[in-house]
Protein backbone atom coordinates (compact mmCIF):
# COMPACT_ATOMS: atom_id res chain seq x y z
CA MET A 1 9.16 11.79 -10.42
CA SER A 2 7.56 15.05 -9.33
CA GLN A 3 5.36 15.22 -6.26
CA ASP A 4 2.11 17.17 -6.04
CA PRO A 5 2.96 20.22 -3.90
CA ASP A 6 -0.49 20.14 -2.26
CA ARG A 7 0.09 16.68 -0.77
CA SER A 8 2.33 15.91 2.17
CA THR A 9 5.44 13.95 1.35
CA PRO A 10 5.17 10.46 2.82
CA GLY A 11 7.74 9.42 5.38
CA PRO A 12 9.30 5.99 5.67
CA ALA A 13 7.08 2.93 5.37
CA PRO A 14 5.32 2.08 8.63
CA LYS A 15 6.63 -0.94 10.55
CA LEU A 16 3.78 -3.36 11.22
CA ASP A 17 3.66 -6.48 13.36
CA GLY A 18 1.71 -9.59 12.37
CA ALA A 19 -1.44 -8.61 14.26
CA GLN A 20 -1.54 -5.21 12.58
CA ARG A 21 -1.04 -6.74 9.12
CA ARG A 22 -3.86 -9.23 9.84
CA PHE A 23 -6.11 -6.35 11.02
CA LEU A 24 -5.41 -4.39 7.82
CA ARG A 25 -5.98 -7.42 5.58
CA GLY A 26 -9.37 -7.81 7.28
CA ARG A 27 -10.19 -4.15 6.65
CA ALA A 28 -9.11 -4.55 3.01
CA HIS A 29 -11.21 -7.67 2.36
CA PRO A 30 -14.35 -5.87 1.10
CA LEU A 31 -12.35 -3.32 -0.92
CA LYS A 32 -12.05 -3.48 -4.70
CA PRO A 33 -8.65 -2.98 -6.37
CA VAL A 34 -8.10 0.69 -7.22
CA VAL A 35 -4.87 0.27 -9.23
CA PHE A 36 -4.26 -2.32 -11.93
CA VAL A 37 -0.75 -3.30 -13.05
CA GLY A 38 -0.72 -4.58 -16.61
CA GLU A 39 1.74 -6.76 -18.47
CA GLY A 40 4.20 -3.83 -18.63
CA GLY A 41 4.75 -4.18 -14.88
CA VAL A 42 5.50 -1.43 -12.39
CA SER A 43 5.97 1.82 -14.32
CA PRO A 44 6.19 5.49 -13.28
CA SER A 45 2.52 5.99 -14.18
CA VAL A 46 1.51 3.00 -12.03
CA LEU A 47 3.56 4.40 -9.13
CA ALA A 48 1.88 7.79 -9.54
CA ALA A 49 -1.53 6.09 -9.37
CA VAL A 50 -0.45 4.15 -6.25
CA HIS A 51 0.77 7.34 -4.54
CA ALA A 52 -2.51 9.11 -5.34
CA ALA A 53 -4.63 6.17 -4.15
CA LEU A 54 -2.68 5.84 -0.89
CA ALA A 55 -2.98 9.58 -0.26
CA ASP A 56 -6.75 9.32 -0.73
CA HIS A 57 -7.48 6.00 0.99
CA GLU A 58 -4.50 4.88 3.18
CA LEU A 59 -5.39 1.21 2.56
CA ILE A 60 -5.61 -0.02 -1.04
CA LYS A 61 -5.68 -3.13 -3.15
CA ILE A 62 -3.64 -3.45 -6.33
CA ARG A 63 -4.36 -6.10 -8.94
CA LEU A 64 -1.38 -7.60 -10.80
CA ARG A 65 -1.96 -9.09 -14.25
CA GLN A 66 0.17 -12.16 -14.89
CA PRO A 67 3.26 -11.04 -12.96
CA SER A 68 6.44 -13.04 -13.50
CA ASP A 69 7.22 -12.70 -9.77
CA LYS A 70 4.25 -11.37 -7.81
CA LYS A 71 6.06 -11.16 -4.46
CA ALA A 72 8.90 -9.12 -5.97
CA ALA A 73 6.41 -6.85 -7.77
CA ALA A 74 4.44 -6.38 -4.53
CA GLN A 75 7.60 -5.52 -2.59
CA ALA A 76 8.70 -3.08 -5.32
CA LEU A 77 5.33 -1.32 -5.16
CA ALA A 78 5.58 -1.07 -1.37
CA ASP A 79 9.18 0.17 -1.42
CA GLU A 80 8.61 2.76 -4.14
CA SER A 81 5.45 4.12 -2.48
CA SER A 82 6.80 4.17 1.13
CA ALA A 83 3.95 1.86 2.11
CA ALA A 84 3.73 -1.26 4.25
CA LEU A 85 3.04 -4.50 2.40
CA CYS A 86 0.16 -6.11 4.29
CA GLY A 87 -0.12 -9.17 2.11
CA VAL A 88 -0.41 -10.78 -1.29
CA VAL A 89 -3.46 -12.93 -1.98
CA GLY A 90 -3.50 -14.45 -5.44
CA HIS A 91 -2.61 -11.59 -7.78
CA THR A 92 -3.89 -8.91 -5.38
CA VAL A 93 -1.56 -6.78 -3.24
CA VAL A 94 -2.68 -4.93 -0.10
CA LEU A 95 -0.71 -1.77 0.79
CA TYR A 96 -1.07 0.60 3.75
CA ARG A 97 0.37 4.07 4.25
CA PRO A 98 -1.15 6.28 6.95
CA ASP A 99 -1.90 9.90 6.18
CA PRO A 100 0.99 11.92 7.69
CA ASP A 101 -1.36 14.61 9.03
CA GLU A 102 -4.65 12.89 9.85
CA PRO A 103 -4.57 9.06 9.85
CA LYS A 104 -8.03 7.57 9.20
CA ILE A 105 -7.25 4.03 10.34
CA VAL A 106 -6.29 3.38 13.97
CA LEU A 107 -4.09 0.30 14.23
CA PRO A 108 -4.37 -2.03 17.21
CA ARG A 109 -1.40 -1.99 19.56
CA ARG A 110 -0.10 -5.21 21.00
CA GLY A 111 2.28 -4.99 23.93
CA GLU A 112 4.11 -1.92 22.65
CA SER A 113 5.50 0.52 25.19
CA ASP A 114 6.03 3.68 23.12
């Protein structure tokens, strides 16, 4: 799959603790899904749409339509897009990938000594 040369290549998926995932799920609550996965499942075109949406928004919702295994599909989307899986609620997946140059969302820190 070719990358858009104008966009920064994402690094590895961010490691989030439980408090950070909860914070992001709260931020995602009012959002509408921006990517829809049909009965065909996770395809290269779906992954391209996920990459574009994450580059634009950092935090996105993805709606799965009748997945055979929604947790596996959610994890595949996260792995393939170098994003953190924040949660699966019903058939909706929440993914987070910070912008490598200018992150828009500041995550809370809890007892980290970096």
